[in-house]
Amino acid sequence: MALLSDAPISSGLKLELIELIGAEFGRPVDIVDLYYAAEPVLGQVFKGKRLFGKSTTYAGLLTKHLINTADFVPLQQRILTERKNAWIK
């Protein structure tokens, strides 16, 4: 479960949420703090379902994702290509 707040989620609160949500649904859960999330984790958020939250907050997070993707993915692809080419030689 991904959560976003105005400040980072403390480890104590994160642990408490994991225990409460896990007990409620009867299965283990993990909490991702979107305050610090970077690519590719941030991109995975948009493949799921938004349960709560303001549209403006969601739009801001989506904008951050799109900008990060434009900056990050080409570099990531170049690094992977260079590693693959070095391995093949």
PDB file of N, CA and C in Angstrom:
ATOM      1  N   MET A   1       0.843  -1.145   0.000  1.00  0.00           N
ATOM      2  CA  MET A   1       0.000   0.000   0.000  1.00  0.00           C
ATOM      3  C   MET A   1       0.902   1.225   0.000  1.00  0.00           C
ATOM      4  N   ALA A   2       0.602   2.146  -0.892  1.00  0.00           N
ATOM      5  CA  ALA A   2       1.379   3.372  -0.997  1.00  0.00           C
ATOM      6  C   ALA A   2       0.638   4.508  -0.308  1.00  0.00           C
ATOM      7  N   LEU A   3       1.366   5.262   0.501  1.00  0.00           N
ATOM      8  CA  LEU A   3       0.784   6.385   1.239  1.00  0.00           C
ATOM      9  C   LEU A   3       1.618   7.633   1.011  1.00  0.00           C
ATOM     10  N   LEU A   4       0.941   8.774   0.954  1.00  0.00           N
ATOM     11  CA  LEU A   4       1.627  10.052   0.822  1.00  0.00           C
ATOM     12  C   LEU A   4       1.067  11.008   1.859  1.00  0.00           C
ATOM     13  N   SER A   5       1.960  11.647   2.600  1.00  0.00           N
ATOM     14  CA  SER A   5       1.547  12.656   3.574  1.00  0.00           C
ATOM     15  C   SER A   5       2.423  13.888   3.391  1.00  0.00           C
ATOM     16  N   ASP A   6       2.155  14.914   4.178  1.00  0.00           N
ATOM     17  CA  ASP A   6       2.922  16.156   4.070  1.00  0.00           C
ATOM     18  C   ASP A   6       4.357  16.021   4.563  1.00  0.00           C
ATOM     19  N   ALA A   7       4.631  14.981   5.327  1.00  0.00           N
ATOM     20  CA  ALA A   7       5.964  14.730   5.875  1.00  0.00           C
ATOM     21  C   ALA A   7       6.228  13.227   5.785  1.00  0.00           C
ATOM     22  N   PRO A   8       7.487  12.820   5.867  1.00  0.00           N
ATOM     23  CA  PRO A   8       7.787  11.386   5.850  1.00  0.00           C
ATOM     24  C   PRO A   8       7.052  10.648   6.969  1.00  0.00           C
ATOM     25  N   ILE A   9       6.662   9.419   6.691  1.00  0.00           N
ATOM     26  CA  ILE A   9       5.982   8.586   7.684  1.00  0.00           C
ATOM     27  C   ILE A   9       7.042   7.997   8.611  1.00  0.00           C
ATOM     28  N   SER A  10       6.860   8.157   9.904  1.00  0.00           N
ATOM     29  CA  SER A  10       7.838   7.637  10.867  1.00  0.00           C
ATOM     30  C   SER A  10       7.828   6.111  10.838  1.00  0.00           C
ATOM     31  N   SER A  11       8.937   5.522  11.223  1.00  0.00           N
ATOM     32  CA  SER A  11       9.025   4.059  11.222  1.00  0.00           C
ATOM     33  C   SER A  11       8.031   3.453  12.200  1.00  0.00           C
ATOM     34  N   GLY A  12       7.784   4.131  13.327  1.00  0.00           N
ATOM     35  CA  GLY A  12       6.808   3.633  14.298  1.00  0.00           C
ATOM     36  C   GLY A  12       5.401   3.612  13.733  1.00  0.00           C
ATOM     37  N   LEU A  13       5.005   4.690  13.063  1.00  0.00           N
ATOM     38  CA  LEU A  13       3.674   4.746  12.456  1.00  0.00           C
ATOM     39  C   LEU A  13       3.559   3.736  11.327  1.00  0.00           C
ATOM     40  N   LYS A  14       4.624   3.605  10.555  1.00  0.00           N
ATOM     41  CA  LYS A  14       4.624   2.646   9.454  1.00  0.00           C
ATOM     42  C   LYS A  14       4.419   1.228   9.982  1.00  0.00           C
ATOM     43  N   LEU A  15       5.124   0.867  11.036  1.00  0.00           N
ATOM     44  CA  LEU A  15       4.978  -0.454  11.642  1.00  0.00           C
ATOM     45  C   LEU A  15       3.566  -0.654  12.177  1.00  0.00           C
ATOM     46  N   GLU A  16       3.028   0.369  12.823  1.00  0.00           N
ATOM     47  CA  GLU A  16       1.669   0.287  13.360  1.00  0.00           C
ATOM     48  C   GLU A  16       0.645   0.087  12.239  1.00  0.00           C
ATOM     49  N   LEU A  17       0.808   0.815  11.140  1.00  0.00           N
ATOM     50  CA  LEU A  17      -0.102   0.663  10.001  1.00  0.00           C
ATOM     51  C   LEU A  17       0.000  -0.727   9.384  1.00  0.00           C
ATOM     52  N   ILE A  18       1.215  -1.235   9.260  1.00  0.00           N
ATOM     53  CA  ILE A  18       1.419  -2.581   8.712  1.00  0.00           C
ATOM     54  C   ILE A  18       0.687  -3.608   9.563  1.00  0.00           C
ATOM     55  N   GLU A  19       0.816  -3.487  10.873  1.00  0.00           N
ATOM     56  CA  GLU A  19       0.156  -4.436  11.779  1.00  0.00           C
ATOM     57  C   GLU A  19      -1.364  -4.308  11.718  1.00  0.00           C
ATOM     58  N   LEU A  20      -1.884  -3.078  11.749  1.00  0.00           N
ATOM     59  CA  LEU A  20      -3.334  -2.870  11.726  1.00  0.00           C
ATOM     60  C   LEU A  20      -3.968  -3.334  10.418  1.00  0.00           C
ATOM     61  N   ILE A  21      -3.375  -2.950   9.312  1.00  0.00           N
ATOM     62  CA  ILE A  21      -3.933  -3.320   8.008  1.00  0.00           C
ATOM     63  C   ILE A  21      -3.790  -4.815   7.780  1.00  0.00           C
ATOM     64  N   GLY A  22      -2.654  -5.379   8.154  1.00  0.00           N
ATOM     65  CA  GLY A  22      -2.455  -6.825   8.026  1.00  0.00           C
ATOM     66  C   GLY A  22      -3.452  -7.612   8.846  1.00  0.00           C
ATOM     67  N   ALA A  23      -3.728  -7.158  10.065  1.00  0.00           N
ATOM     68  CA  ALA A  23      -4.708  -7.841  10.923  1.00  0.00           C
ATOM     69  C   ALA A  23      -6.111  -7.723  10.342  1.00  0.00           C
ATOM     70  N   GLU A  24      -6.435  -6.571   9.786  1.00  0.00           N
ATOM     71  CA  GLU A  24      -7.770  -6.347   9.220  1.00  0.00           C
ATOM     72  C   GLU A  24      -8.037  -7.256   8.017  1.00  0.00           C
ATOM     73  N   PHE A  25      -7.037  -7.424   7.164  1.00  0.00           N
ATOM     74  CA  PHE A  25      -7.224  -8.211   5.950  1.00  0.00           C
ATOM     75  C   PHE A  25      -6.715  -9.643   6.064  1.00  0.00           C
ATOM     76  N   GLY A  26      -6.053  -9.964   7.171  1.00  0.00           N
ATOM     77  CA  GLY A  26      -5.594 -11.326   7.381  1.00  0.00           C
ATOM     78  C   GLY A  26      -4.460 -11.745   6.469  1.00  0.00           C
ATOM     79  N   ARG A  27      -3.673 -10.796   6.033  1.00  0.00           N
ATOM     80  CA  ARG A  27      -2.527 -11.118   5.181  1.00  0.00           C
ATOM     81  C   ARG A  27      -1.465 -10.042   5.337  1.00  0.00           C
ATOM     82  N   PRO A  28      -0.220 -10.379   5.056  1.00  0.00           N
ATOM     83  CA  PRO A  28       0.847  -9.389   5.225  1.00  0.00           C
ATOM     84  C   PRO A  28       0.723  -8.249   4.205  1.00  0.00           C
ATOM     85  N   VAL A  29       1.081  -7.078   4.623  1.00  0.00           N
ATOM     86  CA  VAL A  29       1.085  -5.913   3.740  1.00  0.00           C
ATOM     87  C   VAL A  29       2.413  -5.178   3.901  1.00  0.00           C
ATOM     88  N   ASP A  30       2.700  -4.353   2.944  1.00  0.00           N
ATOM     89  CA  ASP A  30       3.872  -3.493   3.033  1.00  0.00           C
ATOM     90  C   ASP A  30       3.408  -2.071   2.764  1.00  0.00           C
ATOM     91  N   ILE A  31       4.058  -1.128   3.375  1.00  0.00           N
ATOM     92  CA  ILE A  31       3.728   0.279   3.213  1.00  0.00           C
ATOM     93  C   ILE A  31       4.873   0.956   2.468  1.00  0.00           C
ATOM     94  N   VAL A  32       4.548   1.662   1.399  1.00  0.00           N
ATOM     95  CA  VAL A  32       5.524   2.450   0.658  1.00  0.00           C
ATOM     96  C   VAL A  32       5.219   3.915   0.930  1.00  0.00           C
ATOM     97  N   ASP A  33       6.201   4.629   1.441  1.00  0.00           N
ATOM     98  CA  ASP A  33       6.052   6.054   1.719  1.00  0.00           C
ATOM     99  C   ASP A  33       6.377   6.824   0.442  1.00  0.00           C
ATOM    100  N   LEU A  34       5.357   7.391  -0.186  1.00  0.00           N
ATOM    101  CA  LEU A  34       5.553   8.090  -1.453  1.00  0.00           C
ATOM    102  C   LEU A  34       6.301   9.414  -1.302  1.00  0.00           C
ATOM    103  N   TYR A  35       6.486   9.846  -0.080  1.00  0.00           N
ATOM    104  CA  TYR A  35       7.242  11.074   0.162  1.00  0.00           C
ATOM    105  C   TYR A  35       8.669  10.927  -0.381  1.00  0.00           C
ATOM    106  N   TYR A  36       9.225   9.718  -0.263  1.00  0.00           N
ATOM    107  CA  TYR A  36      10.585   9.445  -0.720  1.00  0.00           C
ATOM    108  C   TYR A  36      10.655   8.587  -1.980  1.00  0.00           C
ATOM    109  N   ALA A  37       9.543   8.075  -2.450  1.00  0.00           N
ATOM    110  CA  ALA A  37       9.562   7.106  -3.550  1.00  0.00           C
ATOM    111  C   ALA A  37      10.150   7.705  -4.822  1.00  0.00           C
ATOM    112  N   ALA A  38      10.990   6.930  -5.461  1.00  0.00           N
ATOM    113  CA  ALA A  38      11.604   7.339  -6.724  1.00  0.00           C
ATOM    114  C   ALA A  38      11.233   6.317  -7.791  1.00  0.00           C
ATOM    115  N   GLU A  39      11.719   6.530  -8.983  1.00  0.00           N
ATOM    116  CA  GLU A  39      11.467   5.580 -10.070  1.00  0.00           C
ATOM    117  C   GLU A  39      12.298   4.329  -9.838  1.00  0.00           C
ATOM    118  N   PRO A  40      11.833   3.167 -10.175  1.00  0.00           N
ATOM    119  CA  PRO A  40      10.574   2.843 -10.835  1.00  0.00           C
ATOM    120  C   PRO A  40       9.407   2.605  -9.871  1.00  0.00           C
ATOM    121  N   VAL A  41       9.653   2.703  -8.564  1.00  0.00           N
ATOM    122  CA  VAL A  41       8.589   2.459  -7.579  1.00  0.00           C
ATOM    123  C   VAL A  41       7.435   3.428  -7.773  1.00  0.00           C
ATOM    124  N   LEU A  42       7.747   4.686  -7.989  1.00  0.00           N
ATOM    125  CA  LEU A  42       6.697   5.684  -8.161  1.00  0.00           C
ATOM    126  C   LEU A  42       5.802   5.344  -9.346  1.00  0.00           C
ATOM    127  N   GLY A  43       6.378   4.828 -10.405  1.00  0.00           N
ATOM    128  CA  GLY A  43       5.585   4.438 -11.573  1.00  0.00           C
ATOM    129  C   GLY A  43       4.623   3.306 -11.284  1.00  0.00           C
ATOM    130  N   GLN A  44       4.999   2.411 -10.377  1.00  0.00           N
ATOM    131  CA  GLN A  44       4.121   1.295 -10.022  1.00  0.00           C
ATOM    132  C   GLN A  44       2.846   1.776  -9.334  1.00  0.00           C
ATOM    133  N   VAL A  45       2.907   2.925  -8.686  1.00  0.00           N
ATOM    134  CA  VAL A  45       1.739   3.480  -7.997  1.00  0.00           C
ATOM    135  C   VAL A  45       0.590   3.687  -8.983  1.00  0.00           C
ATOM    136  N   PHE A  46       0.904   4.112 -10.173  1.00  0.00           N
ATOM    137  CA  PHE A  46      -0.131   4.437 -11.147  1.00  0.00           C
ATOM    138  C   PHE A  46      -0.685   3.212 -11.858  1.00  0.00           C
ATOM    139  N   LYS A  47      -0.148   2.052 -11.579  1.00  0.00           N
ATOM    140  CA  LYS A  47      -0.696   0.807 -12.117  1.00  0.00           C
ATOM    141  C   LYS A  47      -1.747   0.227 -11.192  1.00  0.00           C
ATOM    142  N   GLY A  48      -1.824   0.758  -9.976  1.00  0.00           N
ATOM    143  CA  GLY A  48      -2.795   0.289  -8.991  1.00  0.00           C
ATOM    144  C   GLY A  48      -4.045   1.147  -9.001  1.00  0.00           C
ATOM    145  N   LYS A  49      -4.786   1.026  -7.931  1.00  0.00           N
ATOM    146  CA  LYS A  49      -6.054   1.746  -7.806  1.00  0.00           C
ATOM    147  C   LYS A  49      -5.947   2.771  -6.683  1.00  0.00           C
ATOM    148  N   ARG A  50      -6.354   3.986  -6.964  1.00  0.00           N
ATOM    149  CA  ARG A  50      -6.354   5.030  -5.941  1.00  0.00           C
ATOM    150  C   ARG A  50      -7.608   4.869  -5.091  1.00  0.00           C
ATOM    151  N   LEU A  51      -7.413   4.712  -3.797  1.00  0.00           N
ATOM    152  CA  LEU A  51      -8.541   4.508  -2.893  1.00  0.00           C
ATOM    153  C   LEU A  51      -9.022   5.816  -2.280  1.00  0.00           C
ATOM    154  N   PHE A  52      -8.105   6.683  -1.929  1.00  0.00           N
ATOM    155  CA  PHE A  52      -8.425   7.950  -1.280  1.00  0.00           C
ATOM    156  C   PHE A  52      -7.497   9.026  -1.809  1.00  0.00           C
ATOM    157  N   GLY A  53      -7.823  10.260  -1.526  1.00  0.00           N
ATOM    158  CA  GLY A  53      -6.909  11.355  -1.830  1.00  0.00           C
ATOM    159  C   GLY A  53      -7.493  12.373  -2.776  1.00  0.00           C
ATOM    160  N   LYS A  54      -6.878  13.533  -2.745  1.00  0.00           N
ATOM    161  CA  LYS A  54      -7.317  14.644  -3.586  1.00  0.00           C
ATOM    162  C   LYS A  54      -6.775  14.488  -5.001  1.00  0.00           C
ATOM    163  N   SER A  55      -7.555  14.934  -5.962  1.00  0.00           N
ATOM    164  CA  SER A  55      -7.131  14.882  -7.361  1.00  0.00           C
ATOM    165  C   SER A  55      -5.902  15.754  -7.600  1.00  0.00           C
ATOM    166  N   THR A  56      -5.809  16.876  -6.902  1.00  0.00           N
ATOM    167  CA  THR A  56      -4.651  17.755  -7.088  1.00  0.00           C
ATOM    168  C   THR A  56      -3.362  17.109  -6.578  1.00  0.00           C
ATOM    169  N   THR A  57      -3.457  16.383  -5.484  1.00  0.00           N
ATOM    170  CA  THR A  57      -2.290  15.669  -4.952  1.00  0.00           C
ATOM    171  C   THR A  57      -1.870  14.570  -5.916  1.00  0.00           C
ATOM    172  N   TYR A  58      -2.851  13.839  -6.433  1.00  0.00           N
ATOM    173  CA  TYR A  58      -2.593  12.770  -7.398  1.00  0.00           C
ATOM    174  C   TYR A  58      -1.942  13.349  -8.658  1.00  0.00           C
ATOM    175  N   ALA A  59      -2.463  14.485  -9.131  1.00  0.00           N
ATOM    176  CA  ALA A  59      -1.909  15.121 -10.325  1.00  0.00           C
ATOM    177  C   ALA A  59      -0.469  15.569 -10.089  1.00  0.00           C
ATOM    178  N   GLY A  60      -0.182  16.090  -8.908  1.00  0.00           N
ATOM    179  CA  GLY A  60       1.185  16.494  -8.585  1.00  0.00           C
ATOM    180  C   GLY A  60       2.140  15.314  -8.563  1.00  0.00           C
ATOM    181  N   LEU A  61       1.669  14.202  -8.017  1.00  0.00           N
ATOM    182  CA  LEU A  61       2.485  12.990  -7.973  1.00  0.00           C
ATOM    183  C   LEU A  61       2.708  12.439  -9.386  1.00  0.00           C
ATOM    184  N   LEU A  62       1.672  12.497 -10.210  1.00  0.00           N
ATOM    185  CA  LEU A  62       1.795  12.044 -11.595  1.00  0.00           C
ATOM    186  C   LEU A  62       2.775  12.929 -12.364  1.00  0.00           C
ATOM    187  N   THR A  63       2.714  14.225 -12.144  1.00  0.00           N
ATOM    188  CA  THR A  63       3.656  15.145 -12.787  1.00  0.00           C
ATOM    189  C   THR A  63       5.090  14.821 -12.375  1.00  0.00           C
ATOM    190  N   LYS A  64       5.296  14.582 -11.083  1.00  0.00           N
ATOM    191  CA  LYS A  64       6.628  14.203 -10.588  1.00  0.00           C
ATOM    192  C   LYS A  64       7.099  12.927 -11.276  1.00  0.00           C
ATOM    193  N   HIS A  65       6.201  11.957 -11.409  1.00  0.00           N
ATOM    194  CA  HIS A  65       6.541  10.688 -12.063  1.00  0.00           C
ATOM    195  C   HIS A  65       6.944  10.915 -13.521  1.00  0.00           C
ATOM    196  N   LEU A  66       6.161  11.709 -14.245  1.00  0.00           N
ATOM    197  CA  LEU A  66       6.454  11.938 -15.662  1.00  0.00           C
ATOM    198  C   LEU A  66       7.787  12.660 -15.852  1.00  0.00           C
ATOM    199  N   ILE A  67       8.064  13.631 -15.019  1.00  0.00           N
ATOM    200  CA  ILE A  67       9.344  14.352 -15.104  1.00  0.00           C
ATOM    201  C   ILE A  67      10.502  13.425 -14.748  1.00  0.00           C
ATOM    202  N   ASN A  68      10.339  12.653 -13.680  1.00  0.00           N
ATOM    203  CA  ASN A  68      11.389  11.710 -13.284  1.00  0.00           C
ATOM    204  C   ASN A  68      11.624  10.662 -14.359  1.00  0.00           C
ATOM    205  N   THR A  69      10.546  10.199 -14.991  1.00  0.00           N
ATOM    206  CA  THR A  69      10.669   9.198 -16.046  1.00  0.00           C
ATOM    207  C   THR A  69      11.443   9.766 -17.229  1.00  0.00           C
ATOM    208  N   ALA A  70      11.127  10.997 -17.607  1.00  0.00           N
ATOM    209  CA  ALA A  70      11.833  11.627 -18.725  1.00  0.00           C
ATOM    210  C   ALA A  70      13.320  11.779 -18.415  1.00  0.00           C
ATOM    211  N   ASP A  71      13.655  12.024 -17.159  1.00  0.00           N
ATOM    212  CA  ASP A  71      15.056  12.189 -16.762  1.00  0.00           C
ATOM    213  C   ASP A  71      15.756  10.860 -16.509  1.00  0.00           C
ATOM    214  N   PHE A  72      15.050   9.905 -15.912  1.00  0.00           N
ATOM    215  CA  PHE A  72      15.659   8.688 -15.388  1.00  0.00           C
ATOM    216  C   PHE A  72      15.740   7.555 -16.404  1.00  0.00           C
ATOM    217  N   VAL A  73      14.669   7.307 -17.138  1.00  0.00           N
ATOM    218  CA  VAL A  73      14.602   6.120 -18.000  1.00  0.00           C
ATOM    219  C   VAL A  73      15.668   6.125 -19.098  1.00  0.00           C
ATOM    220  N   PRO A  74      15.910   7.219 -19.813  1.00  0.00           N
ATOM    221  CA  PRO A  74      16.973   7.175 -20.824  1.00  0.00           C
ATOM    222  C   PRO A  74      18.342   6.824 -20.233  1.00  0.00           C
ATOM    223  N   LEU A  75      18.655   7.374 -19.079  1.00  0.00           N
ATOM    224  CA  LEU A  75      19.925   7.060 -18.422  1.00  0.00           C
ATOM    225  C   LEU A  75      19.974   5.590 -18.020  1.00  0.00           C
ATOM    226  N   GLN A  76      18.879   5.097 -17.465  1.00  0.00           N
ATOM    227  CA  GLN A  76      18.807   3.691 -17.067  1.00  0.00           C
ATOM    228  C   GLN A  76      19.002   2.781 -18.278  1.00  0.00           C
ATOM    229  N   GLN A  77      18.344   3.097 -19.381  1.00  0.00           N
ATOM    230  CA  GLN A  77      18.468   2.283 -20.589  1.00  0.00           C
ATOM    231  C   GLN A  77      19.900   2.306 -21.128  1.00  0.00           C
ATOM    232  N   ARG A  78      20.536   3.474 -21.098  1.00  0.00           N
ATOM    233  CA  ARG A  78      21.916   3.574 -21.571  1.00  0.00           C
ATOM    234  C   ARG A  78      22.852   2.727 -20.721  1.00  0.00           C
ATOM    235  N   ILE A  79      22.682   2.779 -19.410  1.00  0.00           N
ATOM    236  CA  ILE A  79      23.518   1.989 -18.503  1.00  0.00           C
ATOM    237  C   ILE A  79      23.326   0.501 -18.761  1.00  0.00           C
ATOM    238  N   LEU A  80      22.072   0.074 -18.910  1.00  0.00           N
ATOM    239  CA  LEU A  80      21.802  -1.343 -19.166  1.00  0.00           C
ATOM    240  C   LEU A  80      22.385  -1.789 -20.498  1.00  0.00           C
ATOM    241  N   THR A  81      22.288  -0.946 -21.520  1.00  0.00           N
ATOM    242  CA  THR A  81      22.848  -1.277 -22.830  1.00  0.00           C
ATOM    243  C   THR A  81      24.367  -1.393 -22.755  1.00  0.00           C
ATOM    244  N   GLU A  82      25.012  -0.461 -22.058  1.00  0.00           N
ATOM    245  CA  GLU A  82      26.468  -0.512 -21.909  1.00  0.00           C
ATOM    246  C   GLU A  82      26.907  -1.761 -21.152  1.00  0.00           C
ATOM    247  N   ARG A  83      26.180  -2.125 -20.121  1.00  0.00           N
ATOM    248  CA  ARG A  83      26.515  -3.338 -19.363  1.00  0.00           C
ATOM    249  C   ARG A  83      26.338  -4.583 -20.226  1.00  0.00           C
ATOM    250  N   LYS A  84      25.243  -4.611 -20.985  1.00  0.00           N
ATOM    251  CA  LYS A  84      24.989  -5.762 -21.857  1.00  0.00           C
ATOM    252  C   LYS A  84      26.087  -5.884 -22.906  1.00  0.00           C
ATOM    253  N   ASN A  85      26.450  -4.764 -23.523  1.00  0.00           N
ATOM    254  CA  ASN A  85      27.494  -4.784 -24.549  1.00  0.00           C
ATOM    255  C   ASN A  85      28.845  -5.193 -23.969  1.00  0.00           C
ATOM    256  N   ALA A  86      29.158  -4.747 -22.772  1.00  0.00           N
ATOM    257  CA  ALA A  86      30.411  -5.137 -22.122  1.00  0.00           C
ATOM    258  C   ALA A  86      30.411  -6.627 -21.808  1.00  0.00           C
ATOM    259  N   TRP A  87      29.275  -7.165 -21.455  1.00  0.00           N
ATOM    260  CA  TRP A  87      29.159  -8.583 -21.121  1.00  0.00           C
ATOM    261  C   TRP A  87      29.305  -9.452 -22.367  1.00  0.00           C
ATOM    262  N   ILE A  88      28.733  -9.001 -23.478  1.00  0.00           N
ATOM    263  CA  ILE A  88      28.758  -9.771 -24.724  1.00  0.00           C
ATOM    264  C   ILE A  88      30.164  -9.816 -25.307  1.00  0.00           C
ATOM    265  N   LYS A  89      30.948  -8.748 -25.161  1.00  0.00           N
ATOM    266  CA  LYS A  89      32.310  -8.701 -25.726  1.00  0.00           C
ATOM    267  C   LYS A  89      33.155  -9.662 -25.035  1.00  0.00           C
TER     268      LYS A  89
END
